[in-house]
Amino acid sequence: MGSRAYNKGMYRMSFTVIRALCLAGAMVLAQEPLNNEGVIRLVKSGMSEELIINVVRQQPGTYALGATELIALKDAGVSEKIIQAMLARGKGEGGAAPVVGASTRATISEPGLYYKKGNEYLELLTEEVEWRTSGAMKSIASAGIIKKDLNGSIAGPSSRNFLTNPMEIVLAPPQGLTVNAFILLPMRANKGVREFQVGPVNQKSGVAKGAIPFGVEKVGNNQFRMVLQTPLGPGEYGILAAIPNATSTGTSKIYTFRILL
């Protein structure tokens, strides 16, 4: 009886000590604002995705969420759902604002395509399109009209521009282009590249074959906000200017972005 009672007492004592240590650890964790490195450590510790998301939502944090940092998070094994929680936290839903790079601007002063992040506008990066259709460069007219079905591909499985809904994209056409020259296209990943198809404009709908329809609202001098009928779902997208930047190399530029969950 004495031995059994002793063992029972030791078990209760050990359980109490372990519980106290866990609570102390949780208190220390709660006192430390989270950052990108902290989230990566939580992921690598083996904690569940649900638990990490709850921690991100409940604890203060300052996150660097530019394109480079988002790619680093993905490379470190951080899931898109966790990144989404970090982005939501950074938008002011109970947390600190994300750190943004020097490339941010409060207003749009140069031609290009921009997306809004907080109160800043960041320029969408462009990538080269490799046309797999012979004579593709001659098949794009200067008025923003595709003359025949074209197949294009872009190197890499994902864009470096990460956007979340509700998104806002502003078109500021360069000289020689109008807002009508831009075509919004969905892309699909295939063996390490992103592929898309685009064709002539449908006479009834006024939308190019394979494209996603959108409207525009003028928001400034030569600046137009893209208006979509429904939000874009998660995936890869590109905005093609129907006038190519090159005339003989078989490549042209496309503005790319990825919609996260």
Protein backbone atom coordinates (compact mmCIF):
# COMPACT_ATOMS: atom_id res chain seq x y z
CA MET A 1 0.00 0.00 0.00
CA GLY A 2 2.79 2.41 0.93
CA SER A 3 4.61 1.85 -2.35
CA ARG A 4 1.43 2.24 -4.39
CA ALA A 5 0.48 5.46 -2.59
CA TYR A 6 4.03 6.77 -3.09
CA ASN A 7 3.94 6.09 -6.82
CA LYS A 8 0.52 7.71 -7.11
CA GLY A 9 1.78 10.80 -5.31
CA MET A 10 4.84 11.02 -7.55
CA TYR A 11 2.63 10.74 -10.64
CA ARG A 12 0.47 13.62 -9.45
CA MET A 13 3.53 15.71 -8.66
CA SER A 14 5.08 15.04 -12.08
CA PHE A 15 1.85 15.91 -13.85
CA THR A 16 1.60 19.16 -11.88
CA VAL A 17 5.19 20.11 -12.71
CA ILE A 18 4.74 19.35 -16.41
CA ARG A 19 1.52 21.35 -16.53
CA ALA A 20 3.19 24.30 -14.82
CA LEU A 21 6.09 24.20 -17.27
CA CYS A 22 3.68 24.14 -20.23
CA LEU A 23 1.77 27.10 -18.86
CA ALA A 24 4.99 28.99 -18.26
CA GLY A 25 6.10 28.26 -21.81
CA ALA A 26 2.77 29.46 -23.18
CA MET A 27 3.04 32.66 -21.17
CA VAL A 28 6.54 33.31 -22.53
CA LEU A 29 5.30 32.63 -26.07
CA ALA A 30 2.35 34.93 -25.60
CA GLN A 31 4.66 37.77 -24.50
CA GLU A 32 6.79 37.60 -27.66
CA PRO A 33 5.38 39.28 -30.80
CA LEU A 34 5.48 36.89 -33.73
CA ASN A 35 7.37 37.52 -36.96
CA ASN A 36 8.17 35.50 -40.07
CA GLU A 37 10.97 33.58 -38.36
CA GLY A 38 8.72 32.77 -35.41
CA VAL A 39 6.04 31.32 -37.68
CA ILE A 40 8.63 29.23 -39.52
CA ARG A 41 9.89 27.86 -36.18
CA LEU A 42 6.34 26.92 -35.19
CA VAL A 43 5.87 25.08 -38.49
CA LYS A 44 9.16 23.22 -38.18
CA SER A 45 8.34 22.26 -34.58
CA GLY A 46 5.58 20.02 -35.90
CA MET A 47 2.62 21.99 -34.55
CA SER A 48 -0.63 21.52 -36.45
CA GLU A 49 -1.72 24.04 -39.05
CA GLU A 50 -4.88 24.84 -37.08
CA LEU A 51 -2.93 25.58 -33.91
CA ILE A 52 -0.46 27.88 -35.68
CA ILE A 53 -3.31 29.79 -37.34
CA ASN A 54 -4.92 30.32 -33.93
CA VAL A 55 -1.62 31.57 -32.52
CA VAL A 56 -1.20 34.00 -35.43
CA ARG A 57 -4.75 35.29 -34.97
CA GLN A 58 -4.48 35.75 -31.21
CA GLN A 59 -0.93 37.04 -30.70
CA PRO A 60 0.55 40.39 -31.73
CA GLY A 61 2.91 40.16 -34.66
CA THR A 62 4.85 42.14 -37.23
CA TYR A 63 5.26 40.32 -40.53
CA ALA A 64 7.26 41.05 -43.66
CA LEU A 65 4.89 40.08 -46.47
CA GLY A 66 6.44 41.31 -49.67
CA ALA A 67 6.80 39.00 -52.66
CA THR A 68 10.30 37.86 -51.62
CA GLU A 69 9.21 37.13 -48.07
CA LEU A 70 6.10 35.23 -49.18
CA ILE A 71 8.22 33.01 -51.42
CA ALA A 72 10.62 32.39 -48.51
CA LEU A 73 7.70 31.39 -46.29
CA LYS A 74 6.44 28.92 -48.90
CA ASP A 75 9.95 27.49 -49.35
CA ALA A 76 10.15 27.00 -45.57
CA GLY A 77 6.99 24.88 -45.60
CA VAL A 78 4.50 27.47 -44.33
CA SER A 79 1.06 26.62 -45.78
CA GLU A 80 -1.06 29.11 -47.71
CA LYS A 81 -3.71 29.01 -44.98
CA ILE A 82 -1.13 30.16 -42.42
CA ILE A 83 0.12 32.86 -44.81
CA GLN A 84 -3.48 33.96 -45.31
CA ALA A 85 -3.86 34.32 -41.52
CA MET A 86 -0.66 36.40 -41.43
CA LEU A 87 -1.94 38.62 -44.24
CA ALA A 88 -5.29 39.08 -42.51
CA ARG A 89 -3.52 39.91 -39.24
CA GLY A 90 -1.35 42.41 -41.05
CA LYS A 91 -4.37 44.19 -42.57
CA GLY A 92 -5.31 45.42 -39.13
CA GLU A 93 -7.61 42.65 -38.00
CA GLY A 94 -6.28 42.82 -34.48
CA GLY A 95 -2.60 42.98 -35.32
CA ALA A 96 0.29 45.08 -36.53
CA ALA A 97 0.64 46.19 -40.13
CA PRO A 98 2.93 44.20 -42.39
CA VAL A 99 6.36 45.53 -43.26
CA VAL A 100 6.49 46.71 -46.84
CA GLY A 101 9.48 47.41 -49.03
CA ALA A 102 10.84 50.64 -50.41
CA SER A 103 9.12 49.96 -53.72
CA THR A 104 5.73 50.94 -52.31
CA ARG A 105 4.17 54.23 -53.33
CA ALA A 106 1.21 56.23 -52.05
CA THR A 107 0.15 57.35 -55.52
CA ILE A 108 0.60 56.11 -59.08
CA SER A 109 2.83 58.45 -61.04
CA GLU A 110 4.13 56.22 -63.85
CA PRO A 111 2.50 53.99 -66.48
CA GLY A 112 2.10 50.33 -65.56
CA LEU A 113 -0.18 47.96 -63.68
CA TYR A 114 -0.51 48.24 -59.91
CA TYR A 115 -2.23 46.44 -57.06
CA LYS A 116 -3.31 48.05 -53.83
CA LYS A 117 -1.95 46.84 -50.51
CA GLY A 118 -3.24 48.81 -47.55
CA ASN A 119 -2.91 52.45 -48.58
CA GLU A 120 -0.04 51.81 -50.98
CA TYR A 121 0.17 50.83 -54.65
CA LEU A 122 2.76 48.27 -55.69
CA GLU A 123 3.69 47.60 -59.29
CA LEU A 124 2.85 44.22 -60.77
CA LEU A 125 5.94 42.49 -62.10
CA THR A 126 6.07 41.31 -65.70
CA GLU A 127 7.33 38.02 -67.09
CA GLU A 128 8.23 36.88 -70.58
CA VAL A 129 5.74 34.90 -72.61
CA GLU A 130 7.08 32.17 -74.86
CA TRP A 131 4.68 31.74 -77.75
CA ARG A 132 4.34 28.18 -78.99
CA THR A 133 2.28 29.23 -81.99
CA SER A 134 4.30 30.07 -85.10
CA GLY A 135 3.97 33.66 -86.21
CA ALA A 136 2.43 34.71 -82.90
CA MET A 137 3.99 38.16 -82.92
CA LYS A 138 2.33 38.94 -86.25
CA SER A 139 -0.98 37.63 -84.89
CA ILE A 140 -1.38 40.44 -82.35
CA ALA A 141 -2.76 43.61 -83.87
CA SER A 142 -1.96 47.11 -82.63
CA ALA A 143 -5.58 47.76 -81.68
CA GLY A 144 -5.56 45.07 -79.01
CA ILE A 145 -7.06 42.42 -81.28
CA ILE A 146 -5.89 38.80 -81.35
CA LYS A 147 -6.06 37.53 -84.95
CA LYS A 148 -5.97 33.78 -84.22
CA ASP A 149 -5.80 31.25 -81.37
CA LEU A 150 -2.49 31.52 -79.54
CA ASN A 151 -0.76 29.30 -76.97
CA GLY A 152 1.62 30.91 -74.50
CA SER A 153 3.74 29.68 -71.61
CA ILE A 154 5.67 31.32 -68.78
CA ALA A 155 8.64 29.76 -67.00
CA GLY A 156 8.11 28.73 -63.38
CA PRO A 157 5.13 27.29 -61.51
CA SER A 158 4.04 30.54 -59.82
CA SER A 159 4.07 34.32 -60.10
CA ARG A 160 6.06 36.36 -57.59
CA ASN A 161 3.10 38.71 -57.15
CA PHE A 162 0.82 37.43 -54.37
CA LEU A 163 -2.65 39.00 -54.06
CA THR A 164 -5.61 38.31 -51.80
CA ASN A 165 -9.30 39.07 -52.17
CA PRO A 166 -10.75 41.60 -52.18
CA MET A 167 -8.05 42.74 -54.59
CA GLU A 168 -7.74 46.06 -56.42
CA ILE A 169 -5.77 46.39 -59.66
CA VAL A 170 -5.26 49.73 -61.38
CA LEU A 171 -4.33 49.96 -65.06
CA ALA A 172 -2.23 52.95 -66.13
CA PRO A 173 -1.62 52.29 -69.85
CA PRO A 174 1.73 53.44 -71.27
CA GLN A 175 1.83 55.73 -74.28
CA GLY A 176 0.42 54.04 -77.37
CA LEU A 177 -1.88 51.72 -75.40
CA THR A 178 -5.47 52.10 -74.30
CA VAL A 179 -7.21 50.29 -71.47
CA ASN A 180 -8.92 48.14 -74.11
CA ALA A 181 -5.58 46.53 -75.02
CA PHE A 182 -5.40 44.57 -71.74
CA ILE A 183 -6.68 40.99 -71.53
CA LEU A 184 -7.13 39.10 -68.23
CA LEU A 185 -6.28 35.42 -68.60
CA PRO A 186 -6.38 32.39 -66.28
CA MET A 187 -3.30 30.17 -66.34
CA ARG A 188 -2.73 26.54 -65.48
CA ALA A 189 0.44 24.94 -64.13
CA ASN A 190 1.91 22.16 -66.22
CA LYS A 191 5.31 20.57 -65.61
CA GLY A 192 6.95 23.59 -64.02
CA VAL A 193 5.49 26.23 -66.35
CA ARG A 194 2.25 28.20 -66.55
CA GLU A 195 0.24 27.92 -69.73
CA PHE A 196 -2.63 29.90 -71.22
CA GLN A 197 -4.63 30.17 -74.42
CA VAL A 198 -6.12 33.28 -75.99
CA GLY A 199 -8.02 33.86 -79.21
CA PRO A 200 -9.99 36.42 -81.20
CA VAL A 201 -12.70 38.55 -79.61
CA ASN A 202 -16.18 37.09 -79.57
CA GLN A 203 -18.40 39.47 -81.52
CA LYS A 204 -21.37 38.97 -79.18
CA SER A 205 -19.62 39.18 -75.81
CA GLY A 206 -16.80 41.50 -76.83
CA VAL A 207 -14.37 39.33 -74.83
CA ALA A 208 -11.31 37.58 -76.25
CA LYS A 209 -11.45 33.80 -76.39
CA GLY A 210 -10.13 32.29 -73.15
CA ALA A 211 -10.17 35.64 -71.34
CA ILE A 212 -11.99 36.71 -68.16
CA PRO A 213 -14.33 39.69 -68.71
CA PHE A 214 -13.85 42.82 -66.63
CA GLY A 215 -15.00 46.43 -66.59
CA VAL A 216 -13.13 49.58 -65.62
CA GLU A 217 -13.71 52.70 -63.54
CA LYS A 218 -11.66 55.80 -64.19
CA VAL A 219 -9.93 56.81 -60.96
CA GLY A 220 -7.39 59.34 -62.24
CA ASN A 221 -5.63 60.74 -65.26
CA ASN A 222 -5.11 57.70 -67.50
CA GLN A 223 -5.77 55.42 -64.52
CA PHE A 224 -8.51 52.77 -64.45
CA ARG A 225 -9.58 50.40 -61.69
CA MET A 226 -10.36 46.86 -62.85
CA VAL A 227 -13.91 45.78 -61.96
CA LEU A 228 -14.77 42.07 -61.94
CA GLN A 229 -18.22 40.52 -61.97
CA THR A 230 -17.13 37.96 -59.35
CA PRO A 231 -13.88 37.70 -57.33
CA LEU A 232 -11.15 35.59 -58.85
CA GLY A 233 -10.64 32.20 -57.24
CA PRO A 234 -7.25 30.92 -56.01
CA GLY A 235 -4.83 30.33 -58.85
CA GLU A 236 -2.47 31.89 -61.40
CA TYR A 237 -3.46 34.77 -63.66
CA GLY A 238 -1.92 37.09 -66.21
CA ILE A 239 -2.80 40.42 -67.81
CA LEU A 240 -1.59 40.57 -71.39
CA ALA A 241 -1.11 43.81 -73.29
CA ALA A 242 -2.15 42.97 -76.83
CA ILE A 243 0.74 44.99 -78.26
CA PRO A 244 3.95 42.97 -77.80
CA ASN A 245 7.08 44.66 -76.51
CA ALA A 246 9.17 42.81 -79.06
CA THR A 247 8.61 42.30 -82.77
CA SER A 248 10.94 39.51 -83.76
CA THR A 249 12.09 37.43 -80.80
CA GLY A 250 8.87 35.47 -80.33
CA THR A 251 8.42 36.75 -76.76
CA SER A 252 6.33 39.46 -75.15
CA LYS A 253 5.57 40.64 -71.62
CA ILE A 254 2.65 39.70 -69.39
CA TYR A 255 1.77 41.01 -65.92
CA THR A 256 1.32 38.01 -63.63
CA PHE A 257 -0.12 37.44 -60.17
CA ARG A 258 -1.31 34.65 -57.93
CA ILE A 259 -4.48 34.72 -55.85
CA LEU A 260 -3.96 33.03 -52.48
CA LEU A 261 -6.66 31.17 -50.58
